[in-house]
Amino acid sequence: MQNRLVELAEITRSGQRKVTRAELADAIVEHYAGDATAAAVGLIKIYLPLMAELREVTGRHSPAREAQLCPEALAEAIIREECDGDPHKAVISMLGMNLAVTGELRQLTGKRPYARAGAAH
């Protein structure tokens, strides 16, 4: 069976229809064997390098501060404090944050930043 993430990427690329964040979040959770908490951690591991790159581009880079961030602890805090204990909501939230930062970086630099940041995943 084809990976749902690949299938959604092909749907988007072909222009058949727009893929919703909820669909993408479901596919990401499925990719993590149904573990929404692990999916949130995975998205945070992508988000942190994206934010570091954004801070670098905007001149607000703080390597010491970023080194202190633990993806697992950050995911737990987001799930608990911002998503009413629902890890699936955290996946949707982190997905939105990743897309926003990626878009901002692309606008500032003219490049596709997620190729480099995704390598940290």
Foldseek 3Di string as FASTA:
>chain_A
DDQQLVVQVVCVVVVVDHDDLLSNLVSLCVVVVNDLLVSLLLLVLLVLVLVQVVCVLVVNHDVVVSVPDDSNVVSVCCCVPPVVVDSSVSSSVSVVSSVVSQVVCCVSPVDRPSVVSVVSD
